[in-house]
Amino acid sequence: MPNSNFPSQTLTGVFEIFDSKKNIYIEARFERGIMHGLYKEYFDKEKKKLHLEGRFEDGMKQGVWTTYNRRGKVESIAIFNKGELLERTLNDFEEK
C-alpha cells in the first residue's frame, strides 16, 4: 500500500537516490511517478565516475544503454526497445 503522505504518482523531475553511506549513485528522471528520461548510475558521490547510462520511456528501457568500468572504459552496450533487449555488445579489453 503506497504511503499516502508521498504518493508515487506525484514524483516528477530528476531525483537522486543514495546508498547507505549517502553517496549519490543513481540519478533518474520521473514523470507522474514513472521513470521517463535520462538515467545514470555513478561509482562515486562526486558524480565523476559514471557506471551506467541510458534512457527510460514510460518506465521501460529504451535505446542505447552503456555500462562503464571504474576506469571509464566501456564494458558493454545494450540496445532496448520498449524494455526488450534487442542486442548486447560486450567490450573485450584487457586491464593493465
PDB file of N, CA and C in Angstrom:
ATOM      1  N   MET A   1       0.834  -1.175   0.000  1.00  0.00           N
ATOM      2  CA  MET A   1       0.000   0.000   0.000  1.00  0.00           C
ATOM      3  C   MET A   1       0.884   1.246   0.000  1.00  0.00           C
ATOM      4  N   PRO A   2       0.695   2.173  -0.941  1.00  0.00           N
ATOM      5  CA  PRO A   2       1.538   3.362  -1.007  1.00  0.00           C
ATOM      6  C   PRO A   2       1.354   4.253   0.208  1.00  0.00           C
ATOM      7  N   ASN A   3       2.390   4.964   0.543  1.00  0.00           N
ATOM      8  CA  ASN A   3       2.341   5.918   1.636  1.00  0.00           C
ATOM      9  C   ASN A   3       1.503   7.107   1.194  1.00  0.00           C
ATOM     10  N   SER A   4       0.418   7.387   1.898  1.00  0.00           N
ATOM     11  CA  SER A   4      -0.482   8.465   1.485  1.00  0.00           C
ATOM     12  C   SER A   4       0.154   9.840   1.632  1.00  0.00           C
ATOM     13  N   ASN A   5       1.215   9.957   2.429  1.00  0.00           N
ATOM     14  CA  ASN A   5       1.896  11.234   2.582  1.00  0.00           C
ATOM     15  C   ASN A   5       2.780  11.560   1.381  1.00  0.00           C
ATOM     16  N   PHE A   6       3.136  10.566   0.598  1.00  0.00           N
ATOM     17  CA  PHE A   6       4.030  10.791  -0.542  1.00  0.00           C
ATOM     18  C   PHE A   6       3.675   9.815  -1.654  1.00  0.00           C
ATOM     19  N   PRO A   7       2.535  10.018  -2.298  1.00  0.00           N
ATOM     20  CA  PRO A   7       2.141   9.082  -3.353  1.00  0.00           C
ATOM     21  C   PRO A   7       3.115   9.090  -4.514  1.00  0.00           C
ATOM     22  N   SER A   8       3.422   7.905  -5.039  1.00  0.00           N
ATOM     23  CA  SER A   8       4.414   7.786  -6.101  1.00  0.00           C
ATOM     24  C   SER A   8       3.987   8.514  -7.370  1.00  0.00           C
ATOM     25  N   GLN A   9       2.691   8.710  -7.596  1.00  0.00           N
ATOM     26  CA  GLN A   9       2.227   9.381  -8.792  1.00  0.00           C
ATOM     27  C   GLN A   9       2.704  10.833  -8.848  1.00  0.00           C
ATOM     28  N   THR A  10       3.086  11.409  -7.703  1.00  0.00           N
ATOM     29  CA  THR A  10       3.482  12.815  -7.672  1.00  0.00           C
ATOM     30  C   THR A  10       4.947  13.018  -8.032  1.00  0.00           C
ATOM     31  N   LEU A  11       5.740  11.951  -8.137  1.00  0.00           N
ATOM     32  CA  LEU A  11       7.152  12.112  -8.478  1.00  0.00           C
ATOM     33  C   LEU A  11       7.288  12.645  -9.893  1.00  0.00           C
ATOM     34  N   THR A  12       7.825  13.847 -10.003  1.00  0.00           N
ATOM     35  CA  THR A  12       8.076  14.457 -11.302  1.00  0.00           C
ATOM     36  C   THR A  12       9.371  15.236 -11.198  1.00  0.00           C
ATOM     37  N   GLY A  13      10.280  15.014 -12.146  1.00  0.00           N
ATOM     38  CA  GLY A  13      11.555  15.708 -12.138  1.00  0.00           C
ATOM     39  C   GLY A  13      12.709  14.739 -11.955  1.00  0.00           C
ATOM     40  N   VAL A  14      13.903  15.297 -11.698  1.00  0.00           N
ATOM     41  CA  VAL A  14      15.109  14.491 -11.524  1.00  0.00           C
ATOM     42  C   VAL A  14      15.306  14.213 -10.042  1.00  0.00           C
ATOM     43  N   PHE A  15      15.534  12.952  -9.699  1.00  0.00           N
ATOM     44  CA  PHE A  15      15.747  12.552  -8.321  1.00  0.00           C
ATOM     45  C   PHE A  15      17.086  11.844  -8.194  1.00  0.00           C
ATOM     46  N   GLU A  16      17.740  12.044  -7.046  1.00  0.00           N
ATOM     47  CA  GLU A  16      18.998  11.371  -6.740  1.00  0.00           C
ATOM     48  C   GLU A  16      18.717  10.347  -5.659  1.00  0.00           C
ATOM     49  N   ILE A  17      19.177   9.135  -5.870  1.00  0.00           N
ATOM     50  CA  ILE A  17      18.964   8.043  -4.930  1.00  0.00           C
ATOM     51  C   ILE A  17      20.310   7.716  -4.304  1.00  0.00           C
ATOM     52  N   PHE A  18      20.348   7.640  -2.972  1.00  0.00           N
ATOM     53  CA  PHE A  18      21.589   7.464  -2.237  1.00  0.00           C
ATOM     54  C   PHE A  18      21.736   6.038  -1.732  1.00  0.00           C
ATOM     55  N   ASP A  19      22.995   5.606  -1.573  1.00  0.00           N
ATOM     56  CA  ASP A  19      23.238   4.329  -0.918  1.00  0.00           C
ATOM     57  C   ASP A  19      23.287   4.570   0.591  1.00  0.00           C
ATOM     58  N   SER A  20      23.574   3.551   1.373  1.00  0.00           N
ATOM     59  CA  SER A  20      23.551   3.665   2.835  1.00  0.00           C
ATOM     60  C   SER A  20      24.602   4.624   3.397  1.00  0.00           C
ATOM     61  N   LYS A  21      25.631   4.940   2.620  1.00  0.00           N
ATOM     62  CA  LYS A  21      26.675   5.868   3.074  1.00  0.00           C
ATOM     63  C   LYS A  21      26.440   7.281   2.558  1.00  0.00           C
ATOM     64  N   LYS A  22      25.249   7.525   2.017  1.00  0.00           N
ATOM     65  CA  LYS A  22      24.847   8.829   1.490  1.00  0.00           C
ATOM     66  C   LYS A  22      25.623   9.251   0.249  1.00  0.00           C
ATOM     67  N   ASN A  23      26.154   8.298  -0.472  1.00  0.00           N
ATOM     68  CA  ASN A  23      26.783   8.595  -1.764  1.00  0.00           C
ATOM     69  C   ASN A  23      25.699   8.577  -2.832  1.00  0.00           C
ATOM     70  N   ILE A  24      25.733   9.536  -3.727  1.00  0.00           N
ATOM     71  CA  ILE A  24      24.777   9.532  -4.829  1.00  0.00           C
ATOM     72  C   ILE A  24      25.184   8.417  -5.772  1.00  0.00           C
ATOM     73  N   TYR A  25      24.290   7.552  -6.077  1.00  0.00           N
ATOM     74  CA  TYR A  25      24.663   6.533  -7.041  1.00  0.00           C
ATOM     75  C   TYR A  25      23.672   6.383  -8.179  1.00  0.00           C
ATOM     76  N   ILE A  26      22.492   6.952  -8.036  1.00  0.00           N
ATOM     77  CA  ILE A  26      21.542   6.911  -9.150  1.00  0.00           C
ATOM     78  C   ILE A  26      20.927   8.295  -9.324  1.00  0.00           C
ATOM     79  N   GLU A  27      20.824   8.705 -10.565  1.00  0.00           N
ATOM     80  CA  GLU A  27      20.146   9.946 -10.912  1.00  0.00           C
ATOM     81  C   GLU A  27      19.114   9.568 -11.962  1.00  0.00           C
ATOM     82  N   ALA A  28      17.837   9.753 -11.643  1.00  0.00           N
ATOM     83  CA  ALA A  28      16.770   9.315 -12.544  1.00  0.00           C
ATOM     84  C   ALA A  28      15.708  10.394 -12.682  1.00  0.00           C
ATOM     85  N   ARG A  29      15.097  10.434 -13.839  1.00  0.00           N
ATOM     86  CA  ARG A  29      14.026  11.400 -14.101  1.00  0.00           C
ATOM     87  C   ARG A  29      12.688  10.668 -14.082  1.00  0.00           C
ATOM     88  N   PHE A  30      11.718  11.292 -13.429  1.00  0.00           N
ATOM     89  CA  PHE A  30      10.370  10.737 -13.327  1.00  0.00           C
ATOM     90  C   PHE A  30       9.360  11.713 -13.917  1.00  0.00           C
ATOM     91  N   GLU A  31       8.300  11.175 -14.480  1.00  0.00           N
ATOM     92  CA  GLU A  31       7.133  11.947 -14.895  1.00  0.00           C
ATOM     93  C   GLU A  31       5.901  11.224 -14.383  1.00  0.00           C
ATOM     94  N   ARG A  32       5.137  11.891 -13.540  1.00  0.00           N
ATOM     95  CA  ARG A  32       3.922  11.326 -12.939  1.00  0.00           C
ATOM     96  C   ARG A  32       4.181   9.973 -12.279  1.00  0.00           C
ATOM     97  N   GLY A  33       5.318   9.847 -11.594  1.00  0.00           N
ATOM     98  CA  GLY A  33       5.623   8.634 -10.854  1.00  0.00           C
ATOM     99  C   GLY A  33       6.261   7.522 -11.665  1.00  0.00           C
ATOM    100  N   ILE A  34       6.525   7.753 -12.950  1.00  0.00           N
ATOM    101  CA  ILE A  34       7.109   6.736 -13.821  1.00  0.00           C
ATOM    102  C   ILE A  34       8.451   7.226 -14.329  1.00  0.00           C
ATOM    103  N   MET A  35       9.464   6.354 -14.311  1.00  0.00           N
ATOM    104  CA  MET A  35      10.766   6.744 -14.852  1.00  0.00           C
ATOM    105  C   MET A  35      10.619   7.052 -16.330  1.00  0.00           C
ATOM    106  N   HIS A  36      11.091   8.244 -16.689  1.00  0.00           N
ATOM    107  CA  HIS A  36      10.979   8.692 -18.076  1.00  0.00           C
ATOM    108  C   HIS A  36      12.071   9.722 -18.316  1.00  0.00           C
ATOM    109  N   GLY A  37      13.025   9.390 -19.148  1.00  0.00           N
ATOM    110  CA  GLY A  37      14.124  10.301 -19.439  1.00  0.00           C
ATOM    111  C   GLY A  37      15.461   9.699 -19.064  1.00  0.00           C
ATOM    112  N   LEU A  38      16.458  10.561 -18.930  1.00  0.00           N
ATOM    113  CA  LEU A  38      17.823  10.099 -18.659  1.00  0.00           C
ATOM    114  C   LEU A  38      17.939   9.386 -17.325  1.00  0.00           C
ATOM    115  N   TYR A  39      18.802   8.374 -17.304  1.00  0.00           N
ATOM    116  CA  TYR A  39      19.083   7.576 -16.109  1.00  0.00           C
ATOM    117  C   TYR A  39      20.586   7.385 -16.045  1.00  0.00           C
ATOM    118  N   LYS A  40      21.183   7.673 -14.873  1.00  0.00           N
ATOM    119  CA  LYS A  40      22.628   7.496 -14.707  1.00  0.00           C
ATOM    120  C   LYS A  40      22.927   6.891 -13.347  1.00  0.00           C
ATOM    121  N   GLU A  41      23.907   5.989 -13.321  1.00  0.00           N
ATOM    122  CA  GLU A  41      24.443   5.427 -12.082  1.00  0.00           C
ATOM    123  C   GLU A  41      25.920   5.781 -12.015  1.00  0.00           C
ATOM    124  N   TYR A  42      26.369   6.126 -10.812  1.00  0.00           N
ATOM    125  CA  TYR A  42      27.757   6.529 -10.613  1.00  0.00           C
ATOM    126  C   TYR A  42      28.440   5.617  -9.599  1.00  0.00           C
ATOM    127  N   PHE A  43      29.763   5.494  -9.737  1.00  0.00           N
ATOM    128  CA  PHE A  43      30.582   4.784  -8.764  1.00  0.00           C
ATOM    129  C   PHE A  43      30.881   5.662  -7.551  1.00  0.00           C
ATOM    130  N   ASP A  44      30.774   6.991  -7.693  1.00  0.00           N
ATOM    131  CA  ASP A  44      31.213   7.912  -6.634  1.00  0.00           C
ATOM    132  C   ASP A  44      30.202   9.028  -6.407  1.00  0.00           C
ATOM    133  N   LYS A  45      30.259   9.600  -5.203  1.00  0.00           N
ATOM    134  CA  LYS A  45      29.301  10.645  -4.848  1.00  0.00           C
ATOM    135  C   LYS A  45      29.562  11.963  -5.570  1.00  0.00           C
ATOM    136  N   GLU A  46      30.743  12.155  -6.105  1.00  0.00           N
ATOM    137  CA  GLU A  46      31.057  13.383  -6.835  1.00  0.00           C
ATOM    138  C   GLU A  46      30.507  13.351  -8.264  1.00  0.00           C
ATOM    139  N   LYS A  47      29.958  12.231  -8.656  1.00  0.00           N
ATOM    140  CA  LYS A  47      29.410  12.016  -9.993  1.00  0.00           C
ATOM    141  C   LYS A  47      30.462  12.233 -11.081  1.00  0.00           C
ATOM    142  N   LYS A  48      31.666  11.758 -10.816  1.00  0.00           N
ATOM    143  CA  LYS A  48      32.746  11.852 -11.797  1.00  0.00           C
ATOM    144  C   LYS A  48      32.977  10.523 -12.498  1.00  0.00           C
ATOM    145  N   LYS A  49      32.621   9.405 -11.828  1.00  0.00           N
ATOM    146  CA  LYS A  49      32.859   8.074 -12.390  1.00  0.00           C
ATOM    147  C   LYS A  49      31.532   7.411 -12.730  1.00  0.00           C
ATOM    148  N   LEU A  50      31.141   7.555 -13.979  1.00  0.00           N
ATOM    149  CA  LEU A  50      29.885   7.006 -14.450  1.00  0.00           C
ATOM    150  C   LEU A  50      29.968   5.487 -14.578  1.00  0.00           C
ATOM    151  N   HIS A  51      28.943   4.803 -14.106  1.00  0.00           N
ATOM    152  CA  HIS A  51      28.886   3.343 -14.197  1.00  0.00           C
ATOM    153  C   HIS A  51      27.911   2.892 -15.294  1.00  0.00           C
ATOM    154  N   LEU A  52      26.760   3.556 -15.379  1.00  0.00           N
ATOM    155  CA  LEU A  52      25.720   3.133 -16.318  1.00  0.00           C
ATOM    156  C   LEU A  52      24.922   4.352 -16.760  1.00  0.00           C
ATOM    157  N   GLU A  53      24.599   4.408 -18.046  1.00  0.00           N
ATOM    158  CA  GLU A  53      23.716   5.481 -18.510  1.00  0.00           C
ATOM    159  C   GLU A  53      22.806   4.965 -19.603  1.00  0.00           C
ATOM    160  N   GLY A  54      21.601   5.490 -19.587  1.00  0.00           N
ATOM    161  CA  GLY A  54      20.617   5.114 -20.579  1.00  0.00           C
ATOM    162  C   GLY A  54      19.406   6.008 -20.470  1.00  0.00           C
ATOM    163  N   ARG A  55      18.304   5.533 -21.030  1.00  0.00           N
ATOM    164  CA  ARG A  55      17.082   6.331 -21.072  1.00  0.00           C
ATOM    165  C   ARG A  55      15.876   5.426 -20.842  1.00  0.00           C
ATOM    166  N   PHE A  56      14.938   5.935 -20.068  1.00  0.00           N
ATOM    167  CA  PHE A  56      13.656   5.260 -19.882  1.00  0.00           C
ATOM    168  C   PHE A  56      12.581   6.007 -20.651  1.00  0.00           C
ATOM    169  N   GLU A  57      11.646   5.279 -21.215  1.00  0.00           N
ATOM    170  CA  GLU A  57      10.446   5.859 -21.802  1.00  0.00           C
ATOM    171  C   GLU A  57       9.259   5.126 -21.210  1.00  0.00           C
ATOM    172  N   ASP A  58       8.440   5.855 -20.494  1.00  0.00           N
ATOM    173  CA  ASP A  58       7.258   5.292 -19.836  1.00  0.00           C
ATOM    174  C   ASP A  58       7.598   4.074 -18.976  1.00  0.00           C
ATOM    175  N   GLY A  59       8.704   4.160 -18.222  1.00  0.00           N
ATOM    176  CA  GLY A  59       9.086   3.106 -17.292  1.00  0.00           C
ATOM    177  C   GLY A  59       9.845   1.943 -17.892  1.00  0.00           C
ATOM    178  N   MET A  60      10.125   1.999 -19.190  1.00  0.00           N
ATOM    179  CA  MET A  60      10.840   0.903 -19.848  1.00  0.00           C
ATOM    180  C   MET A  60      12.147   1.409 -20.459  1.00  0.00           C
ATOM    181  N   LYS A  61      13.188   0.559 -20.390  1.00  0.00           N
ATOM    182  CA  LYS A  61      14.464   0.922 -21.012  1.00  0.00           C
ATOM    183  C   LYS A  61      14.250   1.091 -22.511  1.00  0.00           C
ATOM    184  N   GLN A  62      14.877   2.151 -23.048  1.00  0.00           N
ATOM    185  CA  GLN A  62      14.710   2.437 -24.463  1.00  0.00           C
ATOM    186  C   GLN A  62      16.024   2.932 -25.036  1.00  0.00           C
ATOM    187  N   GLY A  63      16.380   2.454 -26.204  1.00  0.00           N
ATOM    188  CA  GLY A  63      17.575   2.923 -26.896  1.00  0.00           C
ATOM    189  C   GLY A  63      18.854   2.322 -26.355  1.00  0.00           C
ATOM    190  N   VAL A  64      19.936   3.081 -26.460  1.00  0.00           N
ATOM    191  CA  VAL A  64      21.278   2.605 -26.108  1.00  0.00           C
ATOM    192  C   VAL A  64      21.545   2.790 -24.617  1.00  0.00           C
ATOM    193  N   TRP A  65      22.012   1.726 -23.972  1.00  0.00           N
ATOM    194  CA  TRP A  65      22.436   1.745 -22.569  1.00  0.00           C
ATOM    195  C   TRP A  65      23.907   1.341 -22.537  1.00  0.00           C
ATOM    196  N   THR A  66      24.724   2.158 -21.882  1.00  0.00           N
ATOM    197  CA  THR A  66      26.170   1.927 -21.840  1.00  0.00           C
ATOM    198  C   THR A  66      26.618   1.686 -20.404  1.00  0.00           C
ATOM    199  N   THR A  67      27.413   0.627 -20.210  1.00  0.00           N
ATOM    200  CA  THR A  67      27.991   0.308 -18.904  1.00  0.00           C
ATOM    201  C   THR A  67      29.490   0.547 -18.973  1.00  0.00           C
ATOM    202  N   TYR A  68      30.038   1.223 -17.941  1.00  0.00           N
ATOM    203  CA  TYR A  68      31.457   1.553 -17.868  1.00  0.00           C
ATOM    204  C   TYR A  68      32.096   0.851 -16.674  1.00  0.00           C
ATOM    205  N   ASN A  69      33.407   0.582 -16.773  1.00  0.00           N
ATOM    206  CA  ASN A  69      34.126   0.065 -15.607  1.00  0.00           C
ATOM    207  C   ASN A  69      34.647   1.254 -14.798  1.00  0.00           C
ATOM    208  N   ARG A  70      35.305   0.984 -13.689  1.00  0.00           N
ATOM    209  CA  ARG A  70      35.786   2.056 -12.809  1.00  0.00           C
ATOM    210  C   ARG A  70      36.843   2.946 -13.463  1.00  0.00           C
ATOM    211  N   ARG A  71      37.480   2.464 -14.507  1.00  0.00           N
ATOM    212  CA  ARG A  71      38.493   3.268 -15.212  1.00  0.00           C
ATOM    213  C   ARG A  71      37.893   4.109 -16.337  1.00  0.00           C
ATOM    214  N   GLY A  72      36.575   4.023 -16.515  1.00  0.00           N
ATOM    215  CA  GLY A  72      35.903   4.823 -17.527  1.00  0.00           C
ATOM    216  C   GLY A  72      35.828   4.177 -18.895  1.00  0.00           C
ATOM    217  N   LYS A  73      36.263   2.939 -18.997  1.00  0.00           N
ATOM    218  CA  LYS A  73      36.215   2.214 -20.275  1.00  0.00           C
ATOM    219  C   LYS A  73      34.840   1.566 -20.443  1.00  0.00           C
ATOM    220  N   VAL A  74      34.359   1.527 -21.662  1.00  0.00           N
ATOM    221  CA  VAL A  74      33.067   0.905 -21.951  1.00  0.00           C
ATOM    222  C   VAL A  74      33.169  -0.598 -21.751  1.00  0.00           C
ATOM    223  N   GLU A  75      32.308  -1.142 -20.897  1.00  0.00           N
ATOM    224  CA  GLU A  75      32.242  -2.591 -20.668  1.00  0.00           C
ATOM    225  C   GLU A  75      31.252  -3.246 -21.616  1.00  0.00           C
ATOM    226  N   SER A  76      30.095  -2.594 -21.779  1.00  0.00           N
ATOM    227  CA  SER A  76      29.077  -3.171 -22.663  1.00  0.00           C
ATOM    228  C   SER A  76      28.138  -2.087 -23.165  1.00  0.00           C
ATOM    229  N   ILE A  77      27.507  -2.401 -24.269  1.00  0.00           N
ATOM    230  CA  ILE A  77      26.466  -1.553 -24.841  1.00  0.00           C
ATOM    231  C   ILE A  77      25.274  -2.455 -25.124  1.00  0.00           C
ATOM    232  N   ALA A  78      24.112  -2.013 -24.667  1.00  0.00           N
ATOM    233  CA  ALA A  78      22.884  -2.771 -24.890  1.00  0.00           C
ATOM    234  C   ALA A  78      21.879  -1.860 -25.586  1.00  0.00           C
ATOM    235  N   ILE A  79      21.074  -2.444 -26.449  1.00  0.00           N
ATOM    236  CA  ILE A  79      20.041  -1.698 -27.156  1.00  0.00           C
ATOM    237  C   ILE A  79      18.683  -2.288 -26.783  1.00  0.00           C
ATOM    238  N   PHE A  80      17.800  -1.407 -26.311  1.00  0.00           N
ATOM    239  CA  PHE A  80      16.470  -1.823 -25.872  1.00  0.00           C
ATOM    240  C   PHE A  80      15.396  -1.150 -26.716  1.00  0.00           C
ATOM    241  N   ASN A  81      14.274  -1.850 -26.877  1.00  0.00           N
ATOM    242  CA  ASN A  81      13.083  -1.270 -27.483  1.00  0.00           C
ATOM    243  C   ASN A  81      11.904  -1.611 -26.590  1.00  0.00           C
ATOM    244  N   LYS A  82      11.332  -0.598 -25.963  1.00  0.00           N
ATOM    245  CA  LYS A  82      10.198  -0.761 -25.051  1.00  0.00           C
ATOM    246  C   LYS A  82      10.486  -1.825 -23.992  1.00  0.00           C
ATOM    247  N   GLY A  83      11.691  -1.769 -23.404  1.00  0.00           N
ATOM    248  CA  GLY A  83      12.066  -2.673 -22.326  1.00  0.00           C
ATOM    249  C   GLY A  83      12.619  -4.008 -22.771  1.00  0.00           C
ATOM    250  N   GLU A  84      12.533  -4.313 -24.040  1.00  0.00           N
ATOM    251  CA  GLU A  84      13.019  -5.594 -24.555  1.00  0.00           C
ATOM    252  C   GLU A  84      14.452  -5.435 -25.058  1.00  0.00           C
ATOM    253  N   LEU A  85      15.343  -6.303 -24.576  1.00  0.00           N
ATOM    254  CA  LEU A  85      16.731  -6.285 -25.020  1.00  0.00           C
ATOM    255  C   LEU A  85      16.812  -6.804 -26.449  1.00  0.00           C
ATOM    256  N   LEU A  86      17.311  -5.945 -27.344  1.00  0.00           N
ATOM    257  CA  LEU A  86      17.447  -6.342 -28.752  1.00  0.00           C
ATOM    258  C   LEU A  86      18.845  -6.842 -29.057  1.00  0.00           C
ATOM    259  N   GLU A  87      19.840  -6.203 -28.439  1.00  0.00           N
ATOM    260  CA  GLU A  87      21.232  -6.545 -28.746  1.00  0.00           C
ATOM    261  C   GLU A  87      22.123  -6.105 -27.594  1.00  0.00           C
ATOM    262  N   ARG A  88      23.163  -6.893 -27.321  1.00  0.00           N
ATOM    263  CA  ARG A  88      24.156  -6.517 -26.306  1.00  0.00           C
ATOM    264  C   ARG A  88      25.535  -6.815 -26.866  1.00  0.00           C
ATOM    265  N   THR A  89      26.414  -5.842 -26.743  1.00  0.00           N
ATOM    266  CA  THR A  89      27.792  -5.990 -27.177  1.00  0.00           C
ATOM    267  C   THR A  89      28.690  -5.843 -25.973  1.00  0.00           C
ATOM    268  N   LEU A  90      29.534  -6.827 -25.733  1.00  0.00           N
ATOM    269  CA  LEU A  90      30.492  -6.760 -24.631  1.00  0.00           C
ATOM    270  C   LEU A  90      31.843  -6.347 -25.189  1.00  0.00           C
ATOM    271  N   ASN A  91      32.493  -5.410 -24.516  1.00  0.00           N
ATOM    272  CA  ASN A  91      33.804  -4.954 -24.941  1.00  0.00           C
ATOM    273  C   ASN A  91      34.846  -5.890 -24.356  1.00  0.00           C
ATOM    274  N   ASP A  92      35.597  -6.539 -25.196  1.00  0.00           N
ATOM    275  CA  ASP A  92      36.612  -7.488 -24.759  1.00  0.00           C
ATOM    276  C   ASP A  92      37.970  -6.781 -24.716  1.00  0.00           C
ATOM    277  N   PHE A  93      38.259  -6.170 -23.562  1.00  0.00           N
ATOM    278  CA  PHE A  93      39.535  -5.469 -23.414  1.00  0.00           C
ATOM    279  C   PHE A  93      40.278  -6.047 -22.202  1.00  0.00           C
ATOM    280  N   GLU A  94      41.551  -5.816 -22.185  1.00  0.00           N
ATOM    281  CA  GLU A  94      42.377  -6.287 -21.070  1.00  0.00           C
ATOM    282  C   GLU A  94      42.755  -5.117 -20.186  1.00  0.00           C
ATOM    283  N   GLU A  95      42.577  -5.280 -18.876  1.00  0.00           N
ATOM    284  CA  GLU A  95      43.022  -4.272 -17.910  1.00  0.00           C
ATOM    285  C   GLU A  95      44.494  -4.434 -17.665  1.00  0.00           C
ATOM    286  N   LYS A  96      45.221  -3.338 -17.622  1.00  0.00           N
ATOM    287  CA  LYS A  96      46.663  -3.397 -17.345  1.00  0.00           C
ATOM    288  C   LYS A  96      46.961  -2.789 -16.015  1.00  0.00           C
TER     289      LYS A  96
END
